[in-house]
Structure formats: structure tokens, C-alpha cells
């Protein structure tokens, strides 16, 4: 193969090898820093969104009508052996 006797052949190979190692290190460092920043921003955005939604839920009117026909009829029918709750009362 090629004889690596002279500095004229060793120097370009050393420069190319060192440039490849430096570019590999810079690329890996950039990837790690970028992925950490994306993770931090995602966490911050999701926590802000959760905080905003929690404020909306706390301020909302959560009182439900006790005898809401759509909510009560399936369970009432199950426990009363197929009795049906209708708008005016029982059938």
C-alpha cells in the first residue's frame, strides 16, 4: 500500500483525522445542548399550560344538577332493575 515514510504523507492524514475528531466532538456537543434546551422549553410550556388549565377549572362552575336525567338514568336503571327515569318522574 502507501508508504508513510515522509512528513508530506503523514501531515495531511493527521490533519484530516484531527478535523474529523473535532467535528465529531462539536456535533455531539451541539446535539446534547440542543436536546437539553428543547426538553427544558417543553417542560416549561407544559407546566405553564397545566397551570393555566388548573386556573380555568378552579374558576369554572362545577355544580351539577343532582337529578340530571342523562347522568342518573343508567345507574338508576341498573340498581332498580330496569326502572327508567324520565322527565316527569318514574315509569
PDB file of N, CA and C in Angstrom:
ATOM      1  N   UNK A   1       0.832  -1.171   0.000  1.00  0.00           N
ATOM      2  CA  UNK A   1       0.000   0.000   0.000  1.00  0.00           C
ATOM      3  C   UNK A   1       0.885   1.245   0.000  1.00  0.00           C
ATOM      4  N   UNK A   2       0.429   2.345   0.550  1.00  0.00           N
ATOM      5  CA  UNK A   2       1.212   3.578   0.572  1.00  0.00           C
ATOM      6  C   UNK A   2       2.226   3.513   1.695  1.00  0.00           C
ATOM      7  N   UNK A   3       3.387   3.979   1.407  1.00  0.00           N
ATOM      8  CA  UNK A   3       4.423   4.058   2.433  1.00  0.00           C
ATOM      9  C   UNK A   3       4.301   5.402   3.129  1.00  0.00           C
ATOM     10  N   UNK A   4       4.173   5.394   4.440  1.00  0.00           N
ATOM     11  CA  UNK A   4       4.033   6.632   5.209  1.00  0.00           C
ATOM     12  C   UNK A   4       5.396   7.036   5.779  1.00  0.00           C
ATOM     13  N   UNK A   5       6.348   7.138   4.911  1.00  0.00           N
ATOM     14  CA  UNK A   5       7.702   7.458   5.333  1.00  0.00           C
ATOM     15  C   UNK A   5       7.908   8.939   5.530  1.00  0.00           C
ATOM     16  N   UNK A   6       7.368   9.732   4.677  1.00  0.00           N
ATOM     17  CA  UNK A   6       7.692  11.152   4.697  1.00  0.00           C
ATOM     18  C   UNK A   6       6.603  11.945   5.406  1.00  0.00           C
ATOM     19  N   UNK A   7       7.011  13.106   5.857  1.00  0.00           N
ATOM     20  CA  UNK A   7       6.081  14.022   6.522  1.00  0.00           C
ATOM     21  C   UNK A   7       5.034  14.541   5.548  1.00  0.00           C
ATOM     22  N   UNK A   8       5.326  14.565   4.276  1.00  0.00           N
ATOM     23  CA  UNK A   8       4.396  15.048   3.261  1.00  0.00           C
ATOM     24  C   UNK A   8       3.186  14.123   3.152  1.00  0.00           C
ATOM     25  N   UNK A   9       3.326  12.891   3.529  1.00  0.00           N
ATOM     26  CA  UNK A   9       2.192  11.968   3.505  1.00  0.00           C
ATOM     27  C   UNK A   9       1.526  11.850   4.872  1.00  0.00           C
ATOM     28  N   UNK A  10       2.270  12.029   5.934  1.00  0.00           N
ATOM     29  CA  UNK A  10       1.711  11.892   7.278  1.00  0.00           C
ATOM     30  C   UNK A  10       0.899  13.114   7.692  1.00  0.00           C
ATOM     31  N   UNK A  11       1.342  14.288   7.305  1.00  0.00           N
ATOM     32  CA  UNK A  11       0.695  15.527   7.729  1.00  0.00           C
ATOM     33  C   UNK A  11      -0.743  15.653   7.227  1.00  0.00           C
ATOM     34  N   UNK A  12      -1.052  15.429   5.966  1.00  0.00           N
ATOM     35  CA  UNK A  12      -2.452  15.531   5.540  1.00  0.00           C
ATOM     36  C   UNK A  12      -3.364  14.521   6.249  1.00  0.00           C
ATOM     37  N   UNK A  13      -2.872  13.320   6.474  1.00  0.00           N
ATOM     38  CA  UNK A  13      -3.673  12.329   7.180  1.00  0.00           C
ATOM     39  C   UNK A  13      -3.920  12.751   8.631  1.00  0.00           C
ATOM     40  N   UNK A  14      -2.925  13.319   9.268  1.00  0.00           N
ATOM     41  CA  UNK A  14      -3.083  13.783  10.643  1.00  0.00           C
ATOM     42  C   UNK A  14      -4.075  14.943  10.702  1.00  0.00           C
ATOM     43  N   UNK A  15      -4.002  15.861   9.728  1.00  0.00           N
ATOM     44  CA  UNK A  15      -4.931  16.987   9.701  1.00  0.00           C
ATOM     45  C   UNK A  15      -6.370  16.526   9.459  1.00  0.00           C
ATOM     46  N   UNK A  16      -6.557  15.613   8.548  1.00  0.00           N
ATOM     47  CA  UNK A  16      -7.897  15.106   8.269  1.00  0.00           C
ATOM     48  C   UNK A  16      -8.450  14.358   9.478  1.00  0.00           C
ATOM     49  N   UNK A  17      -7.628  13.538  10.107  1.00  0.00           N
ATOM     50  CA  UNK A  17      -8.076  12.788  11.285  1.00  0.00           C
ATOM     51  C   UNK A  17      -8.423  13.728  12.432  1.00  0.00           C
ATOM     52  N   UNK A  18      -7.619  14.745  12.675  1.00  0.00           N
ATOM     53  CA  UNK A  18      -7.917  15.684  13.756  1.00  0.00           C
ATOM     54  C   UNK A  18      -9.164  16.514  13.435  1.00  0.00           C
ATOM     55  N   UNK A  19      -9.342  16.888  12.182  1.00  0.00           N
ATOM     56  CA  UNK A  19     -10.543  17.639  11.799  1.00  0.00           C
ATOM     57  C   UNK A  19     -11.795  16.792  11.986  1.00  0.00           C
ATOM     58  N   UNK A  20     -11.708  15.513  11.687  1.00  0.00           N
ATOM     59  CA  UNK A  20     -12.856  14.626  11.884  1.00  0.00           C
ATOM     60  C   UNK A  20     -13.184  14.474  13.361  1.00  0.00           C
ATOM     61  N   UNK A  21     -12.178  14.354  14.201  1.00  0.00           N
ATOM     62  CA  UNK A  21     -12.423  14.236  15.638  1.00  0.00           C
ATOM     63  C   UNK A  21     -13.030  15.513  16.207  1.00  0.00           C
ATOM     64  N   UNK A  22     -12.535  16.663  15.766  1.00  0.00           N
ATOM     65  CA  UNK A  22     -13.073  17.939  16.247  1.00  0.00           C
ATOM     66  C   UNK A  22     -14.526  18.105  15.797  1.00  0.00           C
ATOM     67  N   UNK A  23     -14.807  17.784  14.545  1.00  0.00           N
ATOM     68  CA  UNK A  23     -16.185  17.933  14.056  1.00  0.00           C
ATOM     69  C   UNK A  23     -17.122  16.955  14.757  1.00  0.00           C
ATOM     70  N   UNK A  24     -16.659  15.768  15.068  1.00  0.00           N
ATOM     71  CA  UNK A  24     -17.461  14.812  15.813  1.00  0.00           C
ATOM     72  C   UNK A  24     -17.762  15.338  17.218  1.00  0.00           C
ATOM     73  N   UNK A  25     -16.763  15.911  17.875  1.00  0.00           N
ATOM     74  CA  UNK A  25     -16.968  16.471  19.212  1.00  0.00           C
ATOM     75  C   UNK A  25     -17.915  17.660  19.202  1.00  0.00           C
ATOM     76  N   UNK A  26     -17.761  18.544  18.233  1.00  0.00           N
ATOM     77  CA  UNK A  26     -18.637  19.718  18.139  1.00  0.00           C
ATOM     78  C   UNK A  26     -20.064  19.284  17.826  1.00  0.00           C
ATOM     79  N   UNK A  27     -20.231  18.335  16.936  1.00  0.00           N
ATOM     80  CA  UNK A  27     -21.568  17.842  16.594  1.00  0.00           C
ATOM     81  C   UNK A  27     -22.257  17.181  17.777  1.00  0.00           C
ATOM     82  N   UNK A  28     -21.532  16.349  18.506  1.00  0.00           N
ATOM     83  CA  UNK A  28     -22.115  15.687  19.675  1.00  0.00           C
ATOM     84  C   UNK A  28     -22.471  16.698  20.757  1.00  0.00           C
ATOM     85  N   UNK A  29     -21.596  17.672  20.983  1.00  0.00           N
ATOM     86  CA  UNK A  29     -21.890  18.711  21.971  1.00  0.00           C
ATOM     87  C   UNK A  29     -23.100  19.541  21.583  1.00  0.00           C
ATOM     88  N   UNK A  30     -23.203  19.888  20.325  1.00  0.00           N
ATOM     89  CA  UNK A  30     -24.356  20.670  19.849  1.00  0.00           C
ATOM     90  C   UNK A  30     -25.644  19.884  19.998  1.00  0.00           C
ATOM     91  N   UNK A  31     -25.596  18.610  19.688  1.00  0.00           N
ATOM     92  CA  UNK A  31     -26.782  17.776  19.819  1.00  0.00           C
ATOM     93  C   UNK A  31     -27.230  17.687  21.276  1.00  0.00           C
ATOM     94  N   UNK A  32     -26.307  17.462  22.176  1.00  0.00           N
ATOM     95  CA  UNK A  32     -26.657  17.348  23.590  1.00  0.00           C
ATOM     96  C   UNK A  32     -27.212  18.655  24.144  1.00  0.00           C
ATOM     97  N   UNK A  33     -26.593  19.763  23.807  1.00  0.00           N
ATOM     98  CA  UNK A  33     -27.071  21.063  24.284  1.00  0.00           C
ATOM     99  C   UNK A  33     -28.439  21.373  23.694  1.00  0.00           C
ATOM    100  N   UNK A  34     -28.614  21.113  22.411  1.00  0.00           N
ATOM    101  CA  UNK A  34     -29.899  21.372  21.762  1.00  0.00           C
ATOM    102  C   UNK A  34     -31.015  20.519  22.329  1.00  0.00           C
ATOM    103  N   UNK A  35     -30.745  19.234  22.557  1.00  0.00           N
ATOM    104  CA  UNK A  35     -31.794  18.367  23.098  1.00  0.00           C
ATOM    105  C   UNK A  35     -32.145  18.753  24.527  1.00  0.00           C
ATOM    106  N   UNK A  36     -31.181  19.216  25.299  1.00  0.00           N
ATOM    107  CA  UNK A  36     -31.462  19.674  26.660  1.00  0.00           C
ATOM    108  C   UNK A  36     -32.320  20.946  26.634  1.00  0.00           C
ATOM    109  N   UNK A  37     -32.002  21.857  25.722  1.00  0.00           N
ATOM    110  CA  UNK A  37     -32.790  23.083  25.613  1.00  0.00           C
ATOM    111  C   UNK A  37     -34.223  22.786  25.180  1.00  0.00           C
ATOM    112  N   UNK A  38     -34.400  21.871  24.236  1.00  0.00           N
ATOM    113  CA  UNK A  38     -35.741  21.502  23.788  1.00  0.00           C
ATOM    114  C   UNK A  38     -36.521  20.865  24.933  1.00  0.00           C
ATOM    115  N   UNK A  39     -35.885  20.019  25.700  1.00  0.00           N
ATOM    116  CA  UNK A  39     -36.543  19.402  26.846  1.00  0.00           C
ATOM    117  C   UNK A  39     -36.956  20.426  27.889  1.00  0.00           C
ATOM    118  N   UNK A  40     -36.071  21.380  28.171  1.00  0.00           N
ATOM    119  CA  UNK A  40     -36.395  22.428  29.149  1.00  0.00           C
ATOM    120  C   UNK A  40     -37.548  23.308  28.670  1.00  0.00           C
ATOM    121  N   UNK A  41     -37.525  23.693  27.403  1.00  0.00           N
ATOM    122  CA  UNK A  41     -38.608  24.521  26.865  1.00  0.00           C
ATOM    123  C   UNK A  41     -39.936  23.769  26.853  1.00  0.00           C
ATOM    124  N   UNK A  42     -39.898  22.491  26.522  1.00  0.00           N
ATOM    125  CA  UNK A  42     -41.120  21.683  26.526  1.00  0.00           C
ATOM    126  C   UNK A  42     -41.690  21.581  27.931  1.00  0.00           C
ATOM    127  N   UNK A  43     -40.829  21.341  28.909  1.00  0.00           N
ATOM    128  CA  UNK A  43     -41.276  21.254  30.296  1.00  0.00           C
ATOM    129  C   UNK A  43     -41.871  22.575  30.752  1.00  0.00           C
ATOM    130  N   UNK A  44     -41.238  23.668  30.397  1.00  0.00           N
ATOM    131  CA  UNK A  44     -41.738  24.980  30.793  1.00  0.00           C
ATOM    132  C   UNK A  44     -43.100  25.275  30.153  1.00  0.00           C
ATOM    133  N   UNK A  45     -43.233  24.963  28.861  1.00  0.00           N
ATOM    134  CA  UNK A  45     -44.505  25.207  28.178  1.00  0.00           C
ATOM    135  C   UNK A  45     -45.625  24.337  28.729  1.00  0.00           C
ATOM    136  N   UNK A  46     -45.319  23.063  29.003  1.00  0.00           N
ATOM    137  CA  UNK A  46     -46.349  22.180  29.537  1.00  0.00           C
ATOM    138  C   UNK A  46     -46.754  22.565  30.954  1.00  0.00           C
ATOM    139  N   UNK A  47     -45.805  23.007  31.765  1.00  0.00           N
ATOM    140  CA  UNK A  47     -46.174  23.426  33.123  1.00  0.00           C
ATOM    141  C   UNK A  47     -46.995  24.716  33.092  1.00  0.00           C
ATOM    142  N   UNK A  48     -46.678  25.630  32.183  1.00  0.00           N
ATOM    143  CA  UNK A  48     -47.481  26.848  32.054  1.00  0.00           C
ATOM    144  C   UNK A  48     -48.893  26.515  31.569  1.00  0.00           C
ATOM    145  N   UNK A  49     -49.001  25.587  30.640  1.00  0.00           N
ATOM    146  CA  UNK A  49     -50.304  25.165  30.143  1.00  0.00           C
ATOM    147  C   UNK A  49     -51.108  24.478  31.247  1.00  0.00           C
ATOM    148  N   UNK A  50     -50.462  23.631  32.032  1.00  0.00           N
ATOM    149  CA  UNK A  50     -51.157  22.952  33.129  1.00  0.00           C
ATOM    150  C   UNK A  50     -51.616  23.959  34.174  1.00  0.00           C
ATOM    151  N   UNK A  51     -50.796  24.953  34.460  1.00  0.00           N
ATOM    152  CA  UNK A  51     -51.173  25.982  35.431  1.00  0.00           C
ATOM    153  C   UNK A  51     -52.375  26.777  34.929  1.00  0.00           C
ATOM    154  N   UNK A  52     -52.369  27.125  33.656  1.00  0.00           N
ATOM    155  CA  UNK A  52     -53.474  27.881  33.069  1.00  0.00           C
ATOM    156  C   UNK A  52     -54.763  27.064  33.087  1.00  0.00           C
ATOM    157  N   UNK A  53     -54.671  25.785  32.731  1.00  0.00           N
ATOM    158  CA  UNK A  53     -55.860  24.922  32.748  1.00  0.00           C
ATOM    159  C   UNK A  53     -56.374  24.732  34.172  1.00  0.00           C
ATOM    160  N   UNK A  54     -55.480  24.632  35.137  1.00  0.00           N
ATOM    161  CA  UNK A  54     -55.906  24.481  36.527  1.00  0.00           C
ATOM    162  C   UNK A  54     -56.653  25.720  36.995  1.00  0.00           C
ATOM    163  N   UNK A  55     -56.201  26.899  36.587  1.00  0.00           N
ATOM    164  CA  UNK A  55     -56.922  28.122  36.950  1.00  0.00           C
ATOM    165  C   UNK A  55     -58.302  28.143  36.311  1.00  0.00           C
ATOM    166  N   UNK A  56     -58.420  27.672  35.077  1.00  0.00           N
ATOM    167  CA  UNK A  56     -59.711  27.650  34.398  1.00  0.00           C
ATOM    168  C   UNK A  56     -60.676  26.682  35.080  1.00  0.00           C
ATOM    169  N   UNK A  57     -60.168  25.534  35.505  1.00  0.00           N
ATOM    170  CA  UNK A  57     -61.027  24.552  36.155  1.00  0.00           C
ATOM    171  C   UNK A  57     -61.466  25.049  37.521  1.00  0.00           C
ATOM    172  N   UNK A  58     -60.589  25.690  38.264  1.00  0.00           N
ATOM    173  CA  UNK A  58     -60.940  26.186  39.589  1.00  0.00           C
ATOM    174  C   UNK A  58     -61.984  27.290  39.500  1.00  0.00           C
ATOM    175  N   UNK A  59     -61.939  28.078  38.462  1.00  0.00           N
ATOM    176  CA  UNK A  59     -62.877  29.183  38.317  1.00  0.00           C
ATOM    177  C   UNK A  59     -64.192  28.767  37.689  1.00  0.00           C
ATOM    178  N   UNK A  60     -64.259  27.568  37.146  1.00  0.00           N
ATOM    179  CA  UNK A  60     -65.473  27.139  36.450  1.00  0.00           C
ATOM    180  C   UNK A  60     -66.544  26.737  37.451  1.00  0.00           C
ATOM    181  N   UNK A  61     -67.774  26.799  37.004  1.00  0.00           N
ATOM    182  CA  UNK A  61     -68.903  26.386  37.820  1.00  0.00           C
ATOM    183  C   UNK A  61     -69.039  24.874  37.693  1.00  0.00           C
ATOM    184  N   UNK A  62     -68.698  24.134  38.749  1.00  0.00           N
ATOM    185  CA  UNK A  62     -68.678  22.678  38.684  1.00  0.00           C
ATOM    186  C   UNK A  62     -69.883  22.044  39.363  1.00  0.00           C
ATOM    187  N   UNK A  63     -70.900  22.821  39.644  1.00  0.00           N
ATOM    188  CA  UNK A  63     -72.086  22.279  40.299  1.00  0.00           C
ATOM    189  C   UNK A  63     -72.961  21.606  39.246  1.00  0.00           C
ATOM    190  N   UNK A  64     -73.260  20.346  39.449  1.00  0.00           N
ATOM    191  CA  UNK A  64     -74.117  19.605  38.533  1.00  0.00           C
ATOM    192  C   UNK A  64     -75.468  19.390  39.194  1.00  0.00           C
ATOM    193  N   UNK A  65     -76.471  19.384  38.403  1.00  0.00           N
ATOM    194  CA  UNK A  65     -77.796  19.122  38.928  1.00  0.00           C
ATOM    195  C   UNK A  65     -77.847  17.692  39.457  1.00  0.00           C
ATOM    196  N   UNK A  66     -78.413  17.529  40.638  1.00  0.00           N
ATOM    197  CA  UNK A  66     -78.433  16.220  41.280  1.00  0.00           C
ATOM    198  C   UNK A  66     -79.222  15.202  40.485  1.00  0.00           C
ATOM    199  N   UNK A  67     -80.333  15.585  39.941  1.00  0.00           N
ATOM    200  CA  UNK A  67     -81.179  14.642  39.224  1.00  0.00           C
ATOM    201  C   UNK A  67     -81.135  14.868  37.719  1.00  0.00           C
ATOM    202  N   UNK A  68     -79.959  15.099  37.205  1.00  0.00           N
ATOM    203  CA  UNK A  68     -79.826  15.251  35.760  1.00  0.00           C
ATOM    204  C   UNK A  68     -80.150  13.908  35.107  1.00  0.00           C
ATOM    205  N   UNK A  69     -81.144  13.899  34.240  1.00  0.00           N
ATOM    206  CA  UNK A  69     -81.656  12.658  33.672  1.00  0.00           C
ATOM    207  C   UNK A  69     -80.581  11.880  32.914  1.00  0.00           C
ATOM    208  N   UNK A  70     -79.712  12.559  32.192  1.00  0.00           N
ATOM    209  CA  UNK A  70     -78.697  11.870  31.403  1.00  0.00           C
ATOM    210  C   UNK A  70     -77.637  11.218  32.284  1.00  0.00           C
ATOM    211  N   UNK A  71     -77.409  11.768  33.455  1.00  0.00           N
ATOM    212  CA  UNK A  71     -76.411  11.194  34.354  1.00  0.00           C
ATOM    213  C   UNK A  71     -76.994  10.112  35.250  1.00  0.00           C
ATOM    214  N   UNK A  72     -78.232  10.275  35.688  1.00  0.00           N
ATOM    215  CA  UNK A  72     -78.810   9.399  36.691  1.00  0.00           C
ATOM    216  C   UNK A  72     -79.451   8.156  36.084  1.00  0.00           C
ATOM    217  N   UNK A  73     -80.035   8.252  34.904  1.00  0.00           N
ATOM    218  CA  UNK A  73     -80.842   7.148  34.386  1.00  0.00           C
ATOM    219  C   UNK A  73     -80.084   5.833  34.217  1.00  0.00           C
ATOM    220  N   UNK A  74     -78.845   5.783  33.733  1.00  0.00           N
ATOM    221  CA  UNK A  74     -78.189   4.473  33.602  1.00  0.00           C
ATOM    222  C   UNK A  74     -77.953   3.800  34.947  1.00  0.00           C
ATOM    223  N   UNK A  75     -77.471   4.540  35.934  1.00  0.00           N
ATOM    224  CA  UNK A  75     -77.213   3.920  37.235  1.00  0.00           C
ATOM    225  C   UNK A  75     -78.513   3.621  37.955  1.00  0.00           C
ATOM    226  N   UNK A  76     -79.490   4.474  37.847  1.00  0.00           N
ATOM    227  CA  UNK A  76     -80.775   4.243  38.499  1.00  0.00           C
ATOM    228  C   UNK A  76     -81.451   3.024  37.903  1.00  0.00           C
ATOM    229  N   UNK A  77     -81.390   2.895  36.584  1.00  0.00           N
ATOM    230  CA  UNK A  77     -81.962   1.729  35.925  1.00  0.00           C
ATOM    231  C   UNK A  77     -81.255   0.447  36.321  1.00  0.00           C
ATOM    232  N   UNK A  78     -79.953   0.508  36.552  1.00  0.00           N
ATOM    233  CA  UNK A  78     -79.197  -0.677  36.932  1.00  0.00           C
ATOM    234  C   UNK A  78     -79.566  -1.127  38.343  1.00  0.00           C
ATOM    235  N   UNK A  79     -79.617  -0.189  39.267  1.00  0.00           N
ATOM    236  CA  UNK A  79     -79.886  -0.550  40.651  1.00  0.00           C
ATOM    237  C   UNK A  79     -81.369  -0.811  40.920  1.00  0.00           C
ATOM    238  N   UNK A  80     -82.261  -0.316  40.114  1.00  0.00           N
ATOM    239  CA  UNK A  80     -83.696  -0.529  40.318  1.00  0.00           C
ATOM    240  C   UNK A  80     -84.254  -1.546  39.343  1.00  0.00           C
ATOM    241  N   UNK A  81     -83.426  -2.386  38.802  1.00  0.00           N
ATOM    242  CA  UNK A  81     -83.835  -3.462  37.914  1.00  0.00           C
ATOM    243  C   UNK A  81     -84.669  -2.953  36.740  1.00  0.00           C
ATOM    244  N   UNK A  82     -84.052  -2.137  35.961  1.00  0.00           N
ATOM    245  CA  UNK A  82     -84.583  -1.631  34.703  1.00  0.00           C
ATOM    246  C   UNK A  82     -85.695  -0.614  34.858  1.00  0.00           C
ATOM    247  N   UNK A  83     -85.810   0.048  35.964  1.00  0.00           N
ATOM    248  CA  UNK A  83     -86.719   1.192  36.041  1.00  0.00           C
ATOM    249  C   UNK A  83     -86.117   2.306  35.215  1.00  0.00           C
ATOM    250  N   UNK A  84     -86.913   3.153  34.652  1.00  0.00           N
ATOM    251  CA  UNK A  84     -86.424   4.193  33.783  1.00  0.00           C
ATOM    252  C   UNK A  84     -86.800   5.550  34.348  1.00  0.00           C
ATOM    253  N   UNK A  85     -85.835   6.454  34.450  1.00  0.00           N
ATOM    254  CA  UNK A  85     -86.088   7.812  34.912  1.00  0.00           C
ATOM    255  C   UNK A  85     -86.424   8.638  33.698  1.00  0.00           C
ATOM    256  N   UNK A  86     -87.583   9.245  33.709  1.00  0.00           N
ATOM    257  CA  UNK A  86     -87.994  10.099  32.606  1.00  0.00           C
ATOM    258  C   UNK A  86     -88.175  11.504  33.129  1.00  0.00           C
ATOM    259  N   UNK A  87     -88.499  12.419  32.270  1.00  0.00           N
ATOM    260  CA  UNK A  87     -88.545  13.825  32.620  1.00  0.00           C
ATOM    261  C   UNK A  87     -89.533  14.118  33.755  1.00  0.00           C
ATOM    262  N   UNK A  88     -90.693  13.506  33.761  1.00  0.00           N
ATOM    263  CA  UNK A  88     -91.710  13.793  34.758  1.00  0.00           C
ATOM    264  C   UNK A  88     -91.592  12.942  36.004  1.00  0.00           C
ATOM    265  N   UNK A  89     -90.790  11.936  36.016  1.00  0.00           N
ATOM    266  CA  UNK A  89     -90.664  11.044  37.179  1.00  0.00           C
ATOM    267  C   UNK A  89     -90.361   9.642  36.711  1.00  0.00           C
ATOM    268  N   UNK A  90     -90.857   8.638  37.459  1.00  0.00           N
ATOM    269  CA  UNK A  90     -90.598   7.233  37.129  1.00  0.00           C
ATOM    270  C   UNK A  90     -91.698   6.681  36.239  1.00  0.00           C
ATOM    271  N   UNK A  91     -91.363   5.668  35.483  1.00  0.00           N
ATOM    272  CA  UNK A  91     -92.343   4.970  34.673  1.00  0.00           C
ATOM    273  C   UNK A  91     -92.554   3.597  35.220  1.00  0.00           C
TER     274      UNK A  91
END
